[in-house]
PDB file of N, CA and C in Angstrom:
ATOM      1  N   MET A   1     219.948 140.394 -72.236  1.00  0.00           N
ATOM      2  CA  MET A   1     219.994 141.673 -71.571  1.00  0.00           C
ATOM      3  C   MET A   1     221.437 142.954 -73.124  1.00  0.00           C
ATOM      4  N   GLY A   2     220.923 144.181 -73.098  1.00  0.00           N
ATOM      5  CA  GLY A   2     221.426 144.713 -73.838  1.00  0.00           C
ATOM      6  C   GLY A   2     223.047 145.051 -73.623  1.00  0.00           C
ATOM      7  N   SER A   3     223.614 145.716 -74.348  1.00  0.00           N
ATOM      8  CA  SER A   3     225.025 146.348 -73.709  1.00  0.00           C
ATOM      9  C   SER A   3     225.236 147.204 -72.776  1.00  0.00           C
ATOM     10  N   THR A   4     224.103 147.975 -72.933  1.00  0.00           N
ATOM     11  CA  THR A   4     224.263 149.317 -72.308  1.00  0.00           C
ATOM     12  C   THR A   4     223.820 148.803 -70.294  1.00  0.00           C
ATOM     13  N   GLN A   5     222.632 147.530 -70.558  1.00  0.00           N
ATOM     14  CA  GLN A   5     222.270 147.091 -69.170  1.00  0.00           C
ATOM     15  C   GLN A   5     223.579 146.371 -68.305  1.00  0.00           C
ATOM     16  N   LEU A   6     224.092 146.000 -69.176  1.00  0.00           N
ATOM     17  CA  LEU A   6     225.035 144.543 -69.004  1.00  0.00           C
ATOM     18  C   LEU A   6     226.681 145.929 -68.146  1.00  0.00           C
ATOM     19  N   LEU A   7     226.905 146.695 -68.747  1.00  0.00           N
ATOM     20  CA  LEU A   7     227.966 147.838 -68.750  1.00  0.00           C
ATOM     21  C   LEU A   7     227.235 148.064 -67.283  1.00  0.00           C
ATOM     22  N   LEU A   8     226.008 148.711 -67.077  1.00  0.00           N
ATOM     23  CA  LEU A   8     225.944 149.665 -65.818  1.00  0.00           C
ATOM     24  C   LEU A   8     225.480 148.541 -64.264  1.00  0.00           C
ATOM     25  N   LYS A   9     225.095 147.613 -64.430  1.00  0.00           N
ATOM     26  CA  LYS A   9     224.849 146.222 -63.558  1.00  0.00           C
ATOM     27  C   LYS A   9     225.993 145.697 -63.191  1.00  0.00           C
ATOM     28  N   PHE A  10     227.462 145.792 -64.226  1.00  0.00           N
ATOM     29  CA  PHE A  10     228.678 145.854 -63.558  1.00  0.00           C
ATOM     30  C   PHE A  10     228.889 146.839 -62.647  1.00  0.00           C
ATOM     31  N   LEU A  11     228.774 148.303 -63.132  1.00  0.00           N
ATOM     32  CA  LEU A  11     229.167 148.973 -62.455  1.00  0.00           C
ATOM     33  C   LEU A  11     228.688 149.103 -61.174  1.00  0.00           C
ATOM     34  N   LYS A  12     227.073 148.625 -60.850  1.00  0.00           N
ATOM     35  CA  LYS A  12     226.854 148.666 -59.956  1.00  0.00           C
ATOM     36  C   LYS A  12     226.706 147.702 -58.981  1.00  0.00           C
ATOM     37  N   SER A  13     226.967 146.485 -59.238  1.00  0.00           N
ATOM     38  CA  SER A  13     228.012 145.411 -58.661  1.00  0.00           C
ATOM     39  C   SER A  13     229.118 146.151 -57.969  1.00  0.00           C
ATOM     40  N   LYS A  14     230.161 146.636 -58.265  1.00  0.00           N
ATOM     41  CA  LYS A  14     231.437 146.869 -58.052  1.00  0.00           C
ATOM     42  C   LYS A  14     231.013 148.822 -57.201  1.00  0.00           C
ATOM     43  N   ARG A  15     229.683 148.954 -56.867  1.00  0.00           N
ATOM     44  CA  ARG A  15     229.106 150.052 -56.305  1.00  0.00           C
ATOM     45  C   ARG A  15     230.213 151.161 -56.591  1.00  0.00           C
ATOM     46  N   ILE A  16     230.078 151.464 -58.178  1.00  0.00           N
ATOM     47  CA  ILE A  16     230.650 152.455 -58.915  1.00  0.00           C
ATOM     48  C   ILE A  16     229.517 153.207 -58.944  1.00  0.00           C
ATOM     49  N   ILE A  17     228.818 153.104 -59.135  1.00  0.00           N
ATOM     50  CA  ILE A  17     227.402 153.383 -59.576  1.00  0.00           C
ATOM     51  C   ILE A  17     226.394 153.284 -58.503  1.00  0.00           C
ATOM     52  N   ASN A  18     225.500 154.165 -58.213  1.00  0.00           N
ATOM     53  CA  ASN A  18     223.878 154.102 -57.344  1.00  0.00           C
ATOM     54  C   ASN A  18     222.833 153.463 -58.242  1.00  0.00           C
ATOM     55  N   ASP A  19     222.368 154.602 -58.989  1.00  0.00           N
ATOM     56  CA  ASP A  19     221.078 154.297 -59.526  1.00  0.00           C
ATOM     57  C   ASP A  19     221.175 154.121 -61.325  1.00  0.00           C
ATOM     58  N   LEU A  20     220.419 153.447 -61.592  1.00  0.00           N
ATOM     59  CA  LEU A  20     221.049 152.417 -62.484  1.00  0.00           C
ATOM     60  C   LEU A  20     220.275 153.431 -63.815  1.00  0.00           C
ATOM     61  N   THR A  21     218.739 153.892 -63.552  1.00  0.00           N
ATOM     62  CA  THR A  21     218.066 154.981 -64.354  1.00  0.00           C
ATOM     63  C   THR A  21     218.740 156.055 -64.787  1.00  0.00           C
ATOM     64  N   SER A  22     218.974 157.046 -63.293  1.00  0.00           N
ATOM     65  CA  SER A  22     220.247 157.840 -64.124  1.00  0.00           C
ATOM     66  C   SER A  22     221.353 158.044 -64.325  1.00  0.00           C
ATOM     67  N   ALA A  23     222.332 156.871 -64.287  1.00  0.00           N
ATOM     68  CA  ALA A  23     223.382 156.447 -64.975  1.00  0.00           C
ATOM     69  C   ALA A  23     223.058 156.346 -66.678  1.00  0.00           C
ATOM     70  N   GLU A  24     221.783 155.564 -66.958  1.00  0.00           N
ATOM     71  CA  GLU A  24     221.663 155.479 -68.308  1.00  0.00           C
ATOM     72  C   GLU A  24     221.488 156.573 -68.871  1.00  0.00           C
ATOM     73  N   LYS A  25     220.973 157.604 -68.714  1.00  0.00           N
ATOM     74  CA  LYS A  25     220.750 158.781 -69.526  1.00  0.00           C
ATOM     75  C   LYS A  25     222.248 159.376 -69.598  1.00  0.00           C
ATOM     76  N   GLU A  26     223.580 159.206 -68.964  1.00  0.00           N
ATOM     77  CA  GLU A  26     224.868 159.125 -68.979  1.00  0.00           C
ATOM     78  C   GLU A  26     225.379 158.792 -70.103  1.00  0.00           C
ATOM     79  N   THR A  27     224.821 157.518 -70.640  1.00  0.00           N
ATOM     80  CA  THR A  27     226.040 156.930 -71.403  1.00  0.00           C
ATOM     81  C   THR A  27     225.498 156.994 -72.962  1.00  0.00           C
ATOM     82  N   GLY A  28     226.677 156.357 -73.509  1.00  0.00           N
ATOM     83  CA  GLY A  28     226.626 157.061 -75.288  1.00  0.00           C
ATOM     84  C   GLY A  28     226.951 155.782 -75.682  1.00  0.00           C
ATOM     85  N   THR A  29     226.614 154.940 -76.597  1.00  0.00           N
ATOM     86  CA  THR A  29     226.919 154.097 -77.597  1.00  0.00           C
ATOM     87  C   THR A  29     227.408 154.575 -79.345  1.00  0.00           C
ATOM     88  N   GLY A  30     227.913 153.955 -79.626  1.00  0.00           N
ATOM     89  CA  GLY A  30     228.876 153.829 -80.689  1.00  0.00           C
ATOM     90  C   GLY A  30     229.171 152.826 -81.280  1.00  0.00           C
ATOM     91  N   ASN A  31     229.423 152.485 -82.667  1.00  0.00           N
ATOM     92  CA  ASN A  31     229.816 151.319 -83.627  1.00  0.00           C
ATOM     93  C   ASN A  31     231.197 151.996 -84.431  1.00  0.00           C
ATOM     94  N   ILE A  32     231.888 150.938 -84.158  1.00  0.00           N
ATOM     95  CA  ILE A  32     233.339 151.594 -85.211  1.00  0.00           C
ATOM     96  C   ILE A  32     233.792 149.901 -85.822  1.00  0.00           C
ATOM     97  N   THR A  33     234.404 150.367 -87.143  1.00  0.00           N
ATOM     98  CA  THR A  33     234.981 148.591 -87.347  1.00  0.00           C
ATOM     99  C   THR A  33     236.327 148.498 -87.022  1.00  0.00           C
ATOM    100  N   LEU A  34     236.767 146.894 -87.024  1.00  0.00           N
ATOM    101  CA  LEU A  34     238.231 147.146 -86.563  1.00  0.00           C
ATOM    102  C   LEU A  34     238.811 146.336 -87.796  1.00  0.00           C
ATOM    103  N   LYS A  35     239.939 146.525 -87.412  1.00  0.00           N
ATOM    104  CA  LYS A  35     241.358 146.463 -88.603  1.00  0.00           C
ATOM    105  C   LYS A  35     241.506 144.620 -88.320  1.00  0.00           C
ATOM    106  N   LYS A  36     240.970 144.178 -87.049  1.00  0.00           N
ATOM    107  CA  LYS A  36     241.037 142.927 -87.267  1.00  0.00           C
ATOM    108  C   LYS A  36     239.954 142.182 -86.453  1.00  0.00           C
ATOM    109  N   GLY A  37     238.870 140.985 -86.812  1.00  0.00           N
ATOM    110  CA  GLY A  37     238.146 141.297 -86.045  1.00  0.00           C
ATOM    111  C   GLY A  37     237.737 140.014 -85.122  1.00  0.00           C
ATOM    112  N   THR A  38     239.016 139.602 -84.217  1.00  0.00           N
ATOM    113  CA  THR A  38     239.512 139.304 -83.357  1.00  0.00           C
ATOM    114  C   THR A  38     239.564 139.778 -81.574  1.00  0.00           C
ATOM    115  N   ASP A  39     239.089 139.072 -80.587  1.00  0.00           N
ATOM    116  CA  ASP A  39     239.065 139.436 -79.345  1.00  0.00           C
ATOM    117  C   ASP A  39     240.448 139.610 -79.106  1.00  0.00           C
ATOM    118  N   LEU A  40     241.526 139.127 -79.380  1.00  0.00           N
ATOM    119  CA  LEU A  40     242.656 139.677 -78.891  1.00  0.00           C
ATOM    120  C   LEU A  40     243.131 140.732 -78.978  1.00  0.00           C
ATOM    121  N   PHE A  41     242.862 141.178 -80.742  1.00  0.00           N
ATOM    122  CA  PHE A  41     242.793 142.638 -81.303  1.00  0.00           C
ATOM    123  C   PHE A  41     242.263 143.848 -80.421  1.00  0.00           C
ATOM    124  N   ILE A  42     241.456 143.443 -79.675  1.00  0.00           N
ATOM    125  CA  ILE A  42     240.870 144.260 -78.876  1.00  0.00           C
ATOM    126  C   ILE A  42     241.373 144.102 -77.656  1.00  0.00           C
ATOM    127  N   ARG A  43     241.755 143.084 -76.834  1.00  0.00           N
ATOM    128  CA  ARG A  43     242.480 142.922 -75.781  1.00  0.00           C
ATOM    129  C   ARG A  43     244.015 143.601 -75.701  1.00  0.00           C
ATOM    130  N   ASP A  44     244.277 143.861 -76.832  1.00  0.00           N
ATOM    131  CA  ASP A  44     246.051 143.992 -76.981  1.00  0.00           C
ATOM    132  C   ASP A  44     245.646 145.556 -77.303  1.00  0.00           C
ATOM    133  N   ASN A  45     244.563 146.082 -77.384  1.00  0.00           N
ATOM    134  CA  ASN A  45     244.284 147.542 -77.430  1.00  0.00           C
ATOM    135  C   ASN A  45     243.994 147.926 -76.328  1.00  0.00           C
ATOM    136  N   ILE A  46     243.408 147.368 -75.409  1.00  0.00           N
ATOM    137  CA  ILE A  46     242.883 147.911 -74.256  1.00  0.00           C
ATOM    138  C   ILE A  46     243.703 148.034 -73.621  1.00  0.00           C
ATOM    139  N   THR A  47     244.777 146.885 -73.521  1.00  0.00           N
ATOM    140  CA  THR A  47     245.520 147.026 -72.694  1.00  0.00           C
ATOM    141  C   THR A  47     246.527 148.251 -72.986  1.00  0.00           C
ATOM    142  N   GLY A  48     246.529 148.939 -74.083  1.00  0.00           N
ATOM    143  CA  GLY A  48     247.564 149.866 -74.031  1.00  0.00           C
ATOM    144  C   GLY A  48     246.756 151.401 -73.504  1.00  0.00           C
ATOM    145  N   MET A  49     246.002 151.348 -73.839  1.00  0.00           N
ATOM    146  CA  MET A  49     245.583 152.045 -73.072  1.00  0.00           C
ATOM    147  C   MET A  49     244.303 152.401 -71.613  1.00  0.00           C
ATOM    148  N   GLY A  50     244.023 151.157 -71.016  1.00  0.00           N
ATOM    149  CA  GLY A  50     243.168 151.094 -69.771  1.00  0.00           C
ATOM    150  C   GLY A  50     243.244 149.727 -69.440  1.00  0.00           C
ATOM    151  N   THR A  51     242.425 149.690 -68.139  1.00  0.00           N
ATOM    152  CA  THR A  51     242.421 148.340 -67.706  1.00  0.00           C
ATOM    153  C   THR A  51     241.332 147.735 -67.720  1.00  0.00           C
ATOM    154  N   ILE A  52     241.312 146.268 -67.890  1.00  0.00           N
ATOM    155  CA  ILE A  52     240.273 145.442 -68.649  1.00  0.00           C
ATOM    156  C   ILE A  52     239.654 144.838 -66.958  1.00  0.00           C
ATOM    157  N   LEU A  53     238.392 145.323 -66.979  1.00  0.00           N
ATOM    158  CA  LEU A  53     238.102 145.111 -65.189  1.00  0.00           C
ATOM    159  C   LEU A  53     236.948 143.698 -65.710  1.00  0.00           C
ATOM    160  N   LYS A  54     236.485 143.126 -66.582  1.00  0.00           N
ATOM    161  CA  LYS A  54     235.757 141.993 -66.588  1.00  0.00           C
ATOM    162  C   LYS A  54     236.339 141.468 -68.252  1.00  0.00           C
ATOM    163  N   GLU A  55     236.462 140.284 -69.083  1.00  0.00           N
ATOM    164  CA  GLU A  55     236.396 139.964 -69.776  1.00  0.00           C
ATOM    165  C   GLU A  55     235.681 139.042 -70.258  1.00  0.00           C
ATOM    166  N   ASP A  56     234.885 138.164 -71.656  1.00  0.00           N
ATOM    167  CA  ASP A  56     234.035 137.539 -71.537  1.00  0.00           C
ATOM    168  C   ASP A  56     233.988 137.128 -73.248  1.00  0.00           C
ATOM    169  N   LEU A  57     234.969 135.678 -73.137  1.00  0.00           N
ATOM    170  CA  LEU A  57     235.290 135.529 -74.416  1.00  0.00           C
ATOM    171  C   LEU A  57     234.121 134.755 -75.070  1.00  0.00           C
ATOM    172  N   GLU A  58     233.311 134.116 -74.604  1.00  0.00           N
ATOM    173  CA  GLU A  58     232.390 133.474 -74.761  1.00  0.00           C
ATOM    174  C   GLU A  58     231.190 134.451 -75.398  1.00  0.00           C
ATOM    175  N   ASN A  59     230.909 135.454 -74.994  1.00  0.00           N
ATOM    176  CA  ASN A  59     229.869 136.707 -75.875  1.00  0.00           C
ATOM    177  C   ASN A  59     230.752 137.750 -76.457  1.00  0.00           C
ATOM    178  N   HIS A  60     232.037 137.515 -76.130  1.00  0.00           N
ATOM    179  CA  HIS A  60     232.763 138.468 -76.888  1.00  0.00           C
ATOM    180  C   HIS A  60     232.578 139.594 -76.627  1.00  0.00           C
ATOM    181  N   TYR A  61     232.972 140.325 -75.316  1.00  0.00           N
ATOM    182  CA  TYR A  61     233.194 141.388 -74.714  1.00  0.00           C
ATOM    183  C   TYR A  61     234.006 141.667 -73.469  1.00  0.00           C
ATOM    184  N   TYR A  62     234.406 143.061 -73.560  1.00  0.00           N
ATOM    185  CA  TYR A  62     235.257 143.435 -72.443  1.00  0.00           C
ATOM    186  C   TYR A  62     234.718 144.674 -72.088  1.00  0.00           C
ATOM    187  N   ILE A  63     234.896 144.816 -70.609  1.00  0.00           N
ATOM    188  CA  ILE A  63     234.465 145.886 -69.851  1.00  0.00           C
ATOM    189  C   ILE A  63     235.924 146.336 -69.336  1.00  0.00           C
ATOM    190  N   THR A  64     235.885 147.392 -69.641  1.00  0.00           N
ATOM    191  CA  THR A  64     237.362 148.065 -68.970  1.00  0.00           C
ATOM    192  C   THR A  64     236.966 149.679 -68.728  1.00  0.00           C
ATOM    193  N   SER A  65     238.314 150.088 -67.760  1.00  0.00           N
ATOM    194  CA  SER A  65     238.334 151.692 -67.312  1.00  0.00           C
ATOM    195  C   SER A  65     239.187 152.200 -68.436  1.00  0.00           C
ATOM    196  N   VAL A  66     239.421 153.953 -68.584  1.00  0.00           N
ATOM    197  CA  VAL A  66     240.249 154.505 -69.188  1.00  0.00           C
ATOM    198  C   VAL A  66     240.423 155.816 -68.626  1.00  0.00           C
ATOM    199  N   LYS A  67     241.871 156.192 -68.428  1.00  0.00           N
ATOM    200  CA  LYS A  67     241.742 157.583 -67.853  1.00  0.00           C
ATOM    201  C   LYS A  67     241.657 158.282 -69.021  1.00  0.00           C
ATOM    202  N   ASN A  68     241.272 159.538 -68.673  1.00  0.00           N
ATOM    203  CA  ASN A  68     240.379 160.417 -69.710  1.00  0.00           C
ATOM    204  C   ASN A  68     241.299 162.013 -69.232  1.00  0.00           C
ATOM    205  N   GLY A  69     240.759 163.167 -69.665  1.00  0.00           N
ATOM    206  CA  GLY A  69     240.810 164.552 -69.294  1.00  0.00           C
ATOM    207  C   GLY A  69     242.037 165.044 -69.407  1.00  0.00           C
ATOM    208  N   MET A  70     242.512 165.985 -69.261  1.00  0.00           N
ATOM    209  CA  MET A  70     243.957 166.773 -69.444  1.00  0.00           C
ATOM    210  C   MET A  70     244.936 166.107 -68.634  1.00  0.00           C
ATOM    211  N   PHE A  71     244.718 166.014 -67.605  1.00  0.00           N
ATOM    212  CA  PHE A  71     245.934 165.072 -66.879  1.00  0.00           C
ATOM    213  C   PHE A  71     245.894 163.469 -66.300  1.00  0.00           C
ATOM    214  N   GLY A  72     245.090 163.190 -67.380  1.00  0.00           N
ATOM    215  CA  GLY A  72     244.045 161.504 -67.256  1.00  0.00           C
ATOM    216  C   GLY A  72     243.575 161.532 -65.303  1.00  0.00           C
ATOM    217  N   ASN A  73     243.133 162.312 -64.712  1.00  0.00           N
ATOM    218  CA  ASN A  73     242.330 162.021 -63.460  1.00  0.00           C
ATOM    219  C   ASN A  73     241.146 161.989 -63.689  1.00  0.00           C
ATOM    220  N   SER A  74     240.491 161.647 -64.446  1.00  0.00           N
ATOM    221  CA  SER A  74     238.939 161.198 -64.551  1.00  0.00           C
ATOM    222  C   SER A  74     239.072 159.715 -65.166  1.00  0.00           C
ATOM    223  N   LEU A  75     237.793 158.771 -64.973  1.00  0.00           N
ATOM    224  CA  LEU A  75     238.097 157.564 -65.406  1.00  0.00           C
ATOM    225  C   LEU A  75     236.605 157.782 -66.301  1.00  0.00           C
ATOM    226  N   THR A  76     236.908 157.465 -67.531  1.00  0.00           N
ATOM    227  CA  THR A  76     235.539 156.529 -68.108  1.00  0.00           C
ATOM    228  C   THR A  76     235.743 155.107 -67.780  1.00  0.00           C
ATOM    229  N   TYR A  77     234.102 154.478 -68.224  1.00  0.00           N
ATOM    230  CA  TYR A  77     234.077 152.859 -67.949  1.00  0.00           C
ATOM    231  C   TYR A  77     233.189 152.431 -69.371  1.00  0.00           C
ATOM    232  N   ALA A  78     234.005 151.807 -69.869  1.00  0.00           N
ATOM    233  CA  ALA A  78     233.168 151.360 -71.300  1.00  0.00           C
ATOM    234  C   ALA A  78     233.039 150.058 -71.487  1.00  0.00           C
ATOM    235  N   LEU A  79     232.033 149.205 -72.260  1.00  0.00           N
ATOM    236  CA  LEU A  79     231.994 148.104 -72.373  1.00  0.00           C
ATOM    237  C   LEU A  79     232.230 147.773 -74.368  1.00  0.00           C
ATOM    238  N   ILE A  80     232.719 146.923 -74.890  1.00  0.00           N
ATOM    239  CA  ILE A  80     233.295 146.945 -75.736  1.00  0.00           C
ATOM    240  C   ILE A  80     232.612 145.222 -76.296  1.00  0.00           C
ATOM    241  N   GLU A  81     231.970 145.492 -76.973  1.00  0.00           N
ATOM    242  CA  GLU A  81     231.136 144.217 -77.644  1.00  0.00           C
ATOM    243  C   GLU A  81     231.278 144.076 -79.366  1.00  0.00           C
ATOM    244  N   ARG A  82     232.319 142.884 -79.294  1.00  0.00           N
ATOM    245  CA  ARG A  82     232.791 142.468 -80.715  1.00  0.00           C
ATOM    246  C   ARG A  82     231.447 141.512 -81.316  1.00  0.00           C
ATOM    247  N   HIS A  83     231.374 142.453 -83.129  1.00  0.00           N
ATOM    248  CA  HIS A  83     230.256 141.343 -83.672  1.00  0.00           C
ATOM    249  C   HIS A  83     231.094 141.345 -84.887  1.00  0.00           C
ATOM    250  N   ASP A  84     231.909 140.164 -84.838  1.00  0.00           N
ATOM    251  CA  ASP A  84     232.630 139.601 -86.247  1.00  0.00           C
ATOM    252  C   ASP A  84     233.785 140.925 -86.766  1.00  0.00           C
ATOM    253  N   SER A  85     233.427 142.020 -87.774  1.00  0.00           N
ATOM    254  CA  SER A  85     234.412 142.968 -87.762  1.00  0.00           C
ATOM    255  C   SER A  85     234.225 144.170 -87.315  1.00  0.00           C
ATOM    256  N   SER A  86     233.388 144.329 -86.650  1.00  0.00           N
ATOM    257  CA  SER A  86     233.022 145.480 -85.903  1.00  0.00           C
ATOM    258  C   SER A  86     232.781 145.618 -84.525  1.00  0.00           C
ATOM    259  N   ALA A  87     232.794 146.840 -83.664  1.00  0.00           N
ATOM    260  CA  ALA A  87     232.482 146.500 -82.033  1.00  0.00           C
ATOM    261  C   ALA A  87     231.610 147.579 -81.960  1.00  0.00           C
ATOM    262  N   LYS A  88     230.836 147.650 -81.000  1.00  0.00           N
ATOM    263  CA  LYS A  88     229.528 148.546 -79.870  1.00  0.00           C
ATOM    264  C   LYS A  88     230.414 148.956 -78.802  1.00  0.00           C
ATOM    265  N   ILE A  89     230.652 150.063 -78.559  1.00  0.00           N
ATOM    266  CA  ILE A  89     230.957 150.708 -77.484  1.00  0.00           C
ATOM    267  C   ILE A  89     229.654 151.577 -76.732  1.00  0.00           C
ATOM    268  N   VAL A  90     229.761 150.910 -75.557  1.00  0.00           N
ATOM    269  CA  VAL A  90     228.819 151.638 -74.601  1.00  0.00           C
ATOM    270  C   VAL A  90     229.780 152.339 -73.860  1.00  0.00           C
ATOM    271  N   ALA A  91     229.743 153.806 -73.189  1.00  0.00           N
ATOM    272  CA  ALA A  91     230.600 154.291 -72.292  1.00  0.00           C
ATOM    273  C   ALA A  91     229.871 154.986 -71.441  1.00  0.00           C
TER     274      ALA A  91
END
C-alpha cells in the first residue's frame, strides 16, 4: 500500500475525512534528506512541532498532526516514512 493511501485510510478510520478520492487530490508529496537516518530523530522533531497520531517502527513511518496558519488555528495531517537517510512526506 502506498504512503498516500496509508495516510488517507488512517484519516478515514478516525472520521477526519469522508471521501478518499477527493482527499487524494488535495495531498502533496515530497522527499527530504535527514541529518540522522533514525526513527528517534524523526520522533524528536515531530514532538517539537506536532502530535504523533500513529507510530509504526517496523515499517518506519509516523502519522502526525501539525498546527499551521497565521495563528496556529489550522491542522495539517502528514505521514513521514523513513528510508535510510531520507524521508518521504505526504501531507
